[in-house]
Amino acid sequence: MLRKSIIGIALVLPLMGGLAACDDQGPAEEAGEALDDTGESVQDAFEDDGPAEETGEDIDDTFDR
């Protein structure tokens, strides 16, 4: 559920930024780009080969013994 929400946000925010693009970046646009970067980082962490996946596998391995 969280993963789908994050992916949705990561897809929608760049589209919104493209509609409101301007030459000079104001504080709101910089904050929006920071949110985009954060969303992408979070998404990368939960992908199949990301650090969260590896940590989960390590925990599974520990308790399967």
PDB file of N, CA and C in Angstrom:
ATOM      1  N   MET A   1       0.830  -1.182   0.000  1.00  0.00           N
ATOM      2  CA  MET A   1       0.000   0.000   0.000  1.00  0.00           C
ATOM      3  C   MET A   1       0.874   1.245   0.000  1.00  0.00           C
ATOM      4  N   LEU A   2       1.862   1.285   0.910  1.00  0.00           N
ATOM      5  CA  LEU A   2       2.761   2.435   0.991  1.00  0.00           C
ATOM      6  C   LEU A   2       3.572   2.560  -0.291  1.00  0.00           C
ATOM      7  N   ARG A   3       3.999   1.414  -0.810  1.00  0.00           N
ATOM      8  CA  ARG A   3       4.817   1.424  -2.021  1.00  0.00           C
ATOM      9  C   ARG A   3       4.029   2.007  -3.192  1.00  0.00           C
ATOM     10  N   LYS A   4       2.760   1.640  -3.329  1.00  0.00           N
ATOM     11  CA  LYS A   4       1.939   2.165  -4.413  1.00  0.00           C
ATOM     12  C   LYS A   4       1.744   3.668  -4.259  1.00  0.00           C
ATOM     13  N   SER A   5       1.568   4.132  -3.039  1.00  0.00           N
ATOM     14  CA  SER A   5       1.398   5.562  -2.792  1.00  0.00           C
ATOM     15  C   SER A   5       2.657   6.329  -3.164  1.00  0.00           C
ATOM     16  N   ILE A   6       3.799   5.790  -2.774  1.00  0.00           N
ATOM     17  CA  ILE A   6       5.063   6.454  -3.071  1.00  0.00           C
ATOM     18  C   ILE A   6       5.294   6.504  -4.570  1.00  0.00           C
ATOM     19  N   ILE A   7       5.016   5.408  -5.245  1.00  0.00           N
ATOM     20  CA  ILE A   7       5.189   5.374  -6.698  1.00  0.00           C
ATOM     21  C   ILE A   7       4.246   6.377  -7.358  1.00  0.00           C
ATOM     22  N   GLY A   8       3.011   6.446  -6.887  1.00  0.00           N
ATOM     23  CA  GLY A   8       2.048   7.403  -7.432  1.00  0.00           C
ATOM     24  C   GLY A   8       2.515   8.832  -7.247  1.00  0.00           C
ATOM     25  N   ILE A   9       3.014   9.140  -6.073  1.00  0.00           N
ATOM     26  CA  ILE A   9       3.515  10.489  -5.809  1.00  0.00           C
ATOM     27  C   ILE A   9       4.712  10.779  -6.699  1.00  0.00           C
ATOM     28  N   ALA A  10       5.607   9.810  -6.830  1.00  0.00           N
ATOM     29  CA  ALA A  10       6.802  10.007  -7.653  1.00  0.00           C
ATOM     30  C   ALA A  10       6.447  10.235  -9.120  1.00  0.00           C
ATOM     31  N   LEU A  11       5.336   9.673  -9.569  1.00  0.00           N
ATOM     32  CA  LEU A  11       4.920   9.874 -10.959  1.00  0.00           C
ATOM     33  C   LEU A  11       4.171  11.184 -11.162  1.00  0.00           C
ATOM     34  N   VAL A  12       3.389  11.611 -10.194  1.00  0.00           N
ATOM     35  CA  VAL A  12       2.559  12.799 -10.333  1.00  0.00           C
ATOM     36  C   VAL A  12       3.352  14.090 -10.131  1.00  0.00           C
ATOM     37  N   LEU A  13       4.257  14.113  -9.173  1.00  0.00           N
ATOM     38  CA  LEU A  13       4.979  15.346  -8.875  1.00  0.00           C
ATOM     39  C   LEU A  13       5.773  15.897 -10.062  1.00  0.00           C
ATOM     40  N   PRO A  14       6.496  15.076 -10.815  1.00  0.00           N
ATOM     41  CA  PRO A  14       7.203  15.635 -11.968  1.00  0.00           C
ATOM     42  C   PRO A  14       6.249  16.218 -13.018  1.00  0.00           C
ATOM     43  N   LEU A  15       5.085  15.604 -13.183  1.00  0.00           N
ATOM     44  CA  LEU A  15       4.109  16.128 -14.131  1.00  0.00           C
ATOM     45  C   LEU A  15       3.609  17.492 -13.689  1.00  0.00           C
ATOM     46  N   MET A  16       3.359  17.638 -12.400  1.00  0.00           N
ATOM     47  CA  MET A  16       2.905  18.922 -11.877  1.00  0.00           C
ATOM     48  C   MET A  16       3.996  19.977 -12.015  1.00  0.00           C
ATOM     49  N   GLY A  17       5.232  19.575 -11.807  1.00  0.00           N
ATOM     50  CA  GLY A  17       6.346  20.503 -11.946  1.00  0.00           C
ATOM     51  C   GLY A  17       6.497  20.975 -13.383  1.00  0.00           C
ATOM     52  N   GLY A  18       6.227  20.111 -14.340  1.00  0.00           N
ATOM     53  CA  GLY A  18       6.321  20.491 -15.751  1.00  0.00           C
ATOM     54  C   GLY A  18       5.264  21.504 -16.141  1.00  0.00           C
ATOM     55  N   LEU A  19       4.102  21.432 -15.523  1.00  0.00           N
ATOM     56  CA  LEU A  19       3.039  22.385 -15.822  1.00  0.00           C
ATOM     57  C   LEU A  19       3.330  23.770 -15.251  1.00  0.00           C
ATOM     58  N   ALA A  20       4.034  23.827 -14.159  1.00  0.00           N
ATOM     59  CA  ALA A  20       4.286  25.099 -13.489  1.00  0.00           C
ATOM     60  C   ALA A  20       5.743  25.541 -13.654  1.00  0.00           C
ATOM     61  N   ALA A  21       6.405  25.065 -14.687  1.00  0.00           N
ATOM     62  CA  ALA A  21       7.821  25.385 -14.875  1.00  0.00           C
ATOM     63  C   ALA A  21       8.025  26.861 -15.212  1.00  0.00           C
ATOM     64  N   CYS A  22       9.120  27.404 -14.680  1.00  0.00           N
ATOM     65  CA  CYS A  22       9.486  28.777 -14.986  1.00  0.00           C
ATOM     66  C   CYS A  22      11.007  28.858 -15.030  1.00  0.00           C
ATOM     67  N   ASP A  23      11.524  30.010 -15.482  1.00  0.00           N
ATOM     68  CA  ASP A  23      12.966  30.158 -15.603  1.00  0.00           C
ATOM     69  C   ASP A  23      13.664  30.245 -14.252  1.00  0.00           C
ATOM     70  N   ASP A  24      13.132  31.058 -13.356  1.00  0.00           N
ATOM     71  CA  ASP A  24      13.737  31.227 -12.038  1.00  0.00           C
ATOM     72  C   ASP A  24      13.080  30.281 -11.044  1.00  0.00           C
ATOM     73  N   GLN A  25      13.915  29.555 -10.314  1.00  0.00           N
ATOM     74  CA  GLN A  25      13.376  28.636  -9.323  1.00  0.00           C
ATOM     75  C   GLN A  25      13.133  29.381  -8.016  1.00  0.00           C
ATOM     76  N   GLY A  26      11.922  29.330  -7.566  1.00  0.00           N
ATOM     77  CA  GLY A  26      11.582  29.901  -6.276  1.00  0.00           C
ATOM     78  C   GLY A  26      11.677  28.850  -5.195  1.00  0.00           C
ATOM     79  N   PRO A  27      11.427  29.238  -3.968  1.00  0.00           N
ATOM     80  CA  PRO A  27      11.533  28.282  -2.864  1.00  0.00           C
ATOM     81  C   PRO A  27      10.536  27.127  -2.978  1.00  0.00           C
ATOM     82  N   ALA A  28       9.361  27.378  -3.528  1.00  0.00           N
ATOM     83  CA  ALA A  28       8.372  26.300  -3.666  1.00  0.00           C
ATOM     84  C   ALA A  28       8.838  25.271  -4.687  1.00  0.00           C
ATOM     85  N   GLU A  29       9.419  25.738  -5.768  1.00  0.00           N
ATOM     86  CA  GLU A  29       9.895  24.798  -6.789  1.00  0.00           C
ATOM     87  C   GLU A  29      11.084  23.995  -6.274  1.00  0.00           C
ATOM     88  N   GLU A  30      11.963  24.641  -5.536  1.00  0.00           N
ATOM     89  CA  GLU A  30      13.096  23.921  -4.956  1.00  0.00           C
ATOM     90  C   GLU A  30      12.612  22.872  -3.965  1.00  0.00           C
ATOM     91  N   ALA A  31      11.596  23.222  -3.177  1.00  0.00           N
ATOM     92  CA  ALA A  31      11.030  22.254  -2.230  1.00  0.00           C
ATOM     93  C   ALA A  31      10.374  21.100  -2.976  1.00  0.00           C
ATOM     94  N   GLY A  32       9.700  21.396  -4.082  1.00  0.00           N
ATOM     95  CA  GLY A  32       9.078  20.350  -4.886  1.00  0.00           C
ATOM     96  C   GLY A  32      10.106  19.399  -5.463  1.00  0.00           C
ATOM     97  N   GLU A  33      11.210  19.948  -5.924  1.00  0.00           N
ATOM     98  CA  GLU A  33      12.271  19.095  -6.463  1.00  0.00           C
ATOM     99  C   GLU A  33      12.894  18.242  -5.363  1.00  0.00           C
ATOM    100  N   ALA A  34      13.021  18.808  -4.171  1.00  0.00           N
ATOM    101  CA  ALA A  34      13.543  18.030  -3.046  1.00  0.00           C
ATOM    102  C   ALA A  34      12.600  16.877  -2.716  1.00  0.00           C
ATOM    103  N   LEU A  35      11.290  17.131  -2.782  1.00  0.00           N
ATOM    104  CA  LEU A  35      10.311  16.059  -2.559  1.00  0.00           C
ATOM    105  C   LEU A  35      10.420  14.988  -3.632  1.00  0.00           C
ATOM    106  N   ASP A  36      10.613  15.403  -4.887  1.00  0.00           N
ATOM    107  CA  ASP A  36      10.786  14.444  -5.975  1.00  0.00           C
ATOM    108  C   ASP A  36      11.991  13.550  -5.710  1.00  0.00           C
ATOM    109  N   ASP A  37      13.103  14.174  -5.344  1.00  0.00           N
ATOM    110  CA  ASP A  37      14.322  13.412  -5.088  1.00  0.00           C
ATOM    111  C   ASP A  37      14.128  12.444  -3.931  1.00  0.00           C
ATOM    112  N   THR A  38      13.460  12.903  -2.888  1.00  0.00           N
ATOM    113  CA  THR A  38      13.206  12.045  -1.730  1.00  0.00           C
ATOM    114  C   THR A  38      12.303  10.870  -2.112  1.00  0.00           C
ATOM    115  N   GLY A  39      11.262  11.157  -2.885  1.00  0.00           N
ATOM    116  CA  GLY A  39      10.366  10.089  -3.330  1.00  0.00           C
ATOM    117  C   GLY A  39      11.086   9.046  -4.156  1.00  0.00           C
ATOM    118  N   GLU A  40      11.977   9.492  -5.014  1.00  0.00           N
ATOM    119  CA  GLU A  40      12.738   8.551  -5.839  1.00  0.00           C
ATOM    120  C   GLU A  40      13.688   7.730  -4.971  1.00  0.00           C
ATOM    121  N   SER A  41      14.307   8.372  -3.978  1.00  0.00           N
ATOM    122  CA  SER A  41      15.210   7.645  -3.084  1.00  0.00           C
ATOM    123  C   SER A  41      14.468   6.585  -2.293  1.00  0.00           C
ATOM    124  N   VAL A  42      13.285   6.937  -1.804  1.00  0.00           N
ATOM    125  CA  VAL A  42      12.479   5.976  -1.041  1.00  0.00           C
ATOM    126  C   VAL A  42      12.054   4.828  -1.944  1.00  0.00           C
ATOM    127  N   GLN A  43      11.657   5.154  -3.158  1.00  0.00           N
ATOM    128  CA  GLN A  43      11.248   4.107  -4.100  1.00  0.00           C
ATOM    129  C   GLN A  43      12.420   3.173  -4.396  1.00  0.00           C
ATOM    130  N   ASP A  44      13.602   3.730  -4.598  1.00  0.00           N
ATOM    131  CA  ASP A  44      14.783   2.917  -4.872  1.00  0.00           C
ATOM    132  C   ASP A  44      15.108   1.996  -3.696  1.00  0.00           C
ATOM    133  N   ALA A  45      14.868   2.474  -2.483  1.00  0.00           N
ATOM    134  CA  ALA A  45      15.176   1.669  -1.299  1.00  0.00           C
ATOM    135  C   ALA A  45      14.290   0.431  -1.216  1.00  0.00           C
ATOM    136  N   PHE A  46      13.078   0.495  -1.767  1.00  0.00           N
ATOM    137  CA  PHE A  46      12.146  -0.622  -1.659  1.00  0.00           C
ATOM    138  C   PHE A  46      12.066  -1.470  -2.920  1.00  0.00           C
ATOM    139  N   GLU A  47      12.895  -1.200  -3.898  1.00  0.00           N
ATOM    140  CA  GLU A  47      12.899  -2.032  -5.102  1.00  0.00           C
ATOM    141  C   GLU A  47      13.519  -3.389  -4.779  1.00  0.00           C
ATOM    142  N   ASP A  48      13.439  -4.297  -5.723  1.00  0.00           N
ATOM    143  CA  ASP A  48      13.862  -5.677  -5.498  1.00  0.00           C
ATOM    144  C   ASP A  48      15.299  -5.811  -5.009  1.00  0.00           C
ATOM    145  N   ASP A  49      16.190  -4.955  -5.457  1.00  0.00           N
ATOM    146  CA  ASP A  49      17.592  -5.065  -5.059  1.00  0.00           C
ATOM    147  C   ASP A  49      18.006  -3.944  -4.117  1.00  0.00           C
ATOM    148  N   GLY A  50      17.062  -3.234  -3.548  1.00  0.00           N
ATOM    149  CA  GLY A  50      17.369  -2.103  -2.684  1.00  0.00           C
ATOM    150  C   GLY A  50      17.782  -2.530  -1.282  1.00  0.00           C
ATOM    151  N   PRO A  51      18.267  -1.577  -0.493  1.00  0.00           N
ATOM    152  CA  PRO A  51      18.737  -1.906   0.853  1.00  0.00           C
ATOM    153  C   PRO A  51      17.638  -2.412   1.782  1.00  0.00           C
ATOM    154  N   ALA A  52      16.412  -1.933   1.622  1.00  0.00           N
ATOM    155  CA  ALA A  52      15.326  -2.420   2.472  1.00  0.00           C
ATOM    156  C   ALA A  52      15.029  -3.885   2.172  1.00  0.00           C
ATOM    157  N   GLU A  53      15.087  -4.247   0.909  1.00  0.00           N
ATOM    158  CA  GLU A  53      14.867  -5.641   0.516  1.00  0.00           C
ATOM    159  C   GLU A  53      15.960  -6.539   1.100  1.00  0.00           C
ATOM    160  N   GLU A  54      17.202  -6.093   1.005  1.00  0.00           N
ATOM    161  CA  GLU A  54      18.313  -6.873   1.534  1.00  0.00           C
ATOM    162  C   GLU A  54      18.205  -7.028   3.047  1.00  0.00           C
ATOM    163  N   THR A  55      17.819  -5.969   3.739  1.00  0.00           N
ATOM    164  CA  THR A  55      17.655  -6.038   5.189  1.00  0.00           C
ATOM    165  C   THR A  55      16.546  -7.020   5.553  1.00  0.00           C
ATOM    166  N   GLY A  56      15.450  -6.972   4.828  1.00  0.00           N
ATOM    167  CA  GLY A  56      14.359  -7.911   5.069  1.00  0.00           C
ATOM    168  C   GLY A  56      14.783  -9.346   4.859  1.00  0.00           C
ATOM    169  N   GLU A  57      15.566  -9.586   3.825  1.00  0.00           N
ATOM    170  CA  GLU A  57      16.059 -10.945   3.574  1.00  0.00           C
ATOM    171  C   GLU A  57      17.001 -11.395   4.691  1.00  0.00           C
ATOM    172  N   ASP A  58      17.845 -10.469   5.189  1.00  0.00           N
ATOM    173  CA  ASP A  58      18.734 -10.814   6.294  1.00  0.00           C
ATOM    174  C   ASP A  58      17.936 -11.177   7.539  1.00  0.00           C
ATOM    175  N   ILE A  59      16.873 -10.441   7.813  1.00  0.00           N
ATOM    176  CA  ILE A  59      16.023 -10.734   8.970  1.00  0.00           C
ATOM    177  C   ILE A  59      15.346 -12.088   8.787  1.00  0.00           C
ATOM    178  N   ASP A  60      14.834 -12.351   7.573  1.00  0.00           N
ATOM    179  CA  ASP A  60      14.217 -13.654   7.310  1.00  0.00           C
ATOM    180  C   ASP A  60      15.215 -14.785   7.533  1.00  0.00           C
ATOM    181  N   ASP A  61      16.427 -14.603   7.032  1.00  0.00           N
ATOM    182  CA  ASP A  61      17.452 -15.639   7.185  1.00  0.00           C
ATOM    183  C   ASP A  61      17.774 -15.881   8.658  1.00  0.00           C
ATOM    184  N   THR A  62      17.796 -14.829   9.444  1.00  0.00           N
ATOM    185  CA  THR A  62      18.113 -14.950  10.872  1.00  0.00           C
ATOM    186  C   THR A  62      17.061 -15.767  11.599  1.00  0.00           C
ATOM    187  N   PHE A  63      15.794 -15.516  11.303  1.00  0.00           N
ATOM    188  CA  PHE A  63      14.724 -16.197  12.019  1.00  0.00           C
ATOM    189  C   PHE A  63      14.375 -17.557  11.434  1.00  0.00           C
ATOM    190  N   ASP A  64      14.849 -17.889  10.228  1.00  0.00           N
ATOM    191  CA  ASP A  64      14.574 -19.187   9.633  1.00  0.00           C
ATOM    192  C   ASP A  64      15.492 -20.285  10.159  1.00  0.00           C
ATOM    193  N   ARG A  65      16.493 -19.927  10.909  1.00  0.00           N
ATOM    194  CA  ARG A  65      17.467 -20.921  11.383  1.00  0.00           C
ATOM    195  C   ARG A  65      16.917 -21.773  12.466  1.00  0.00           C
TER     196      ARG A  65
END
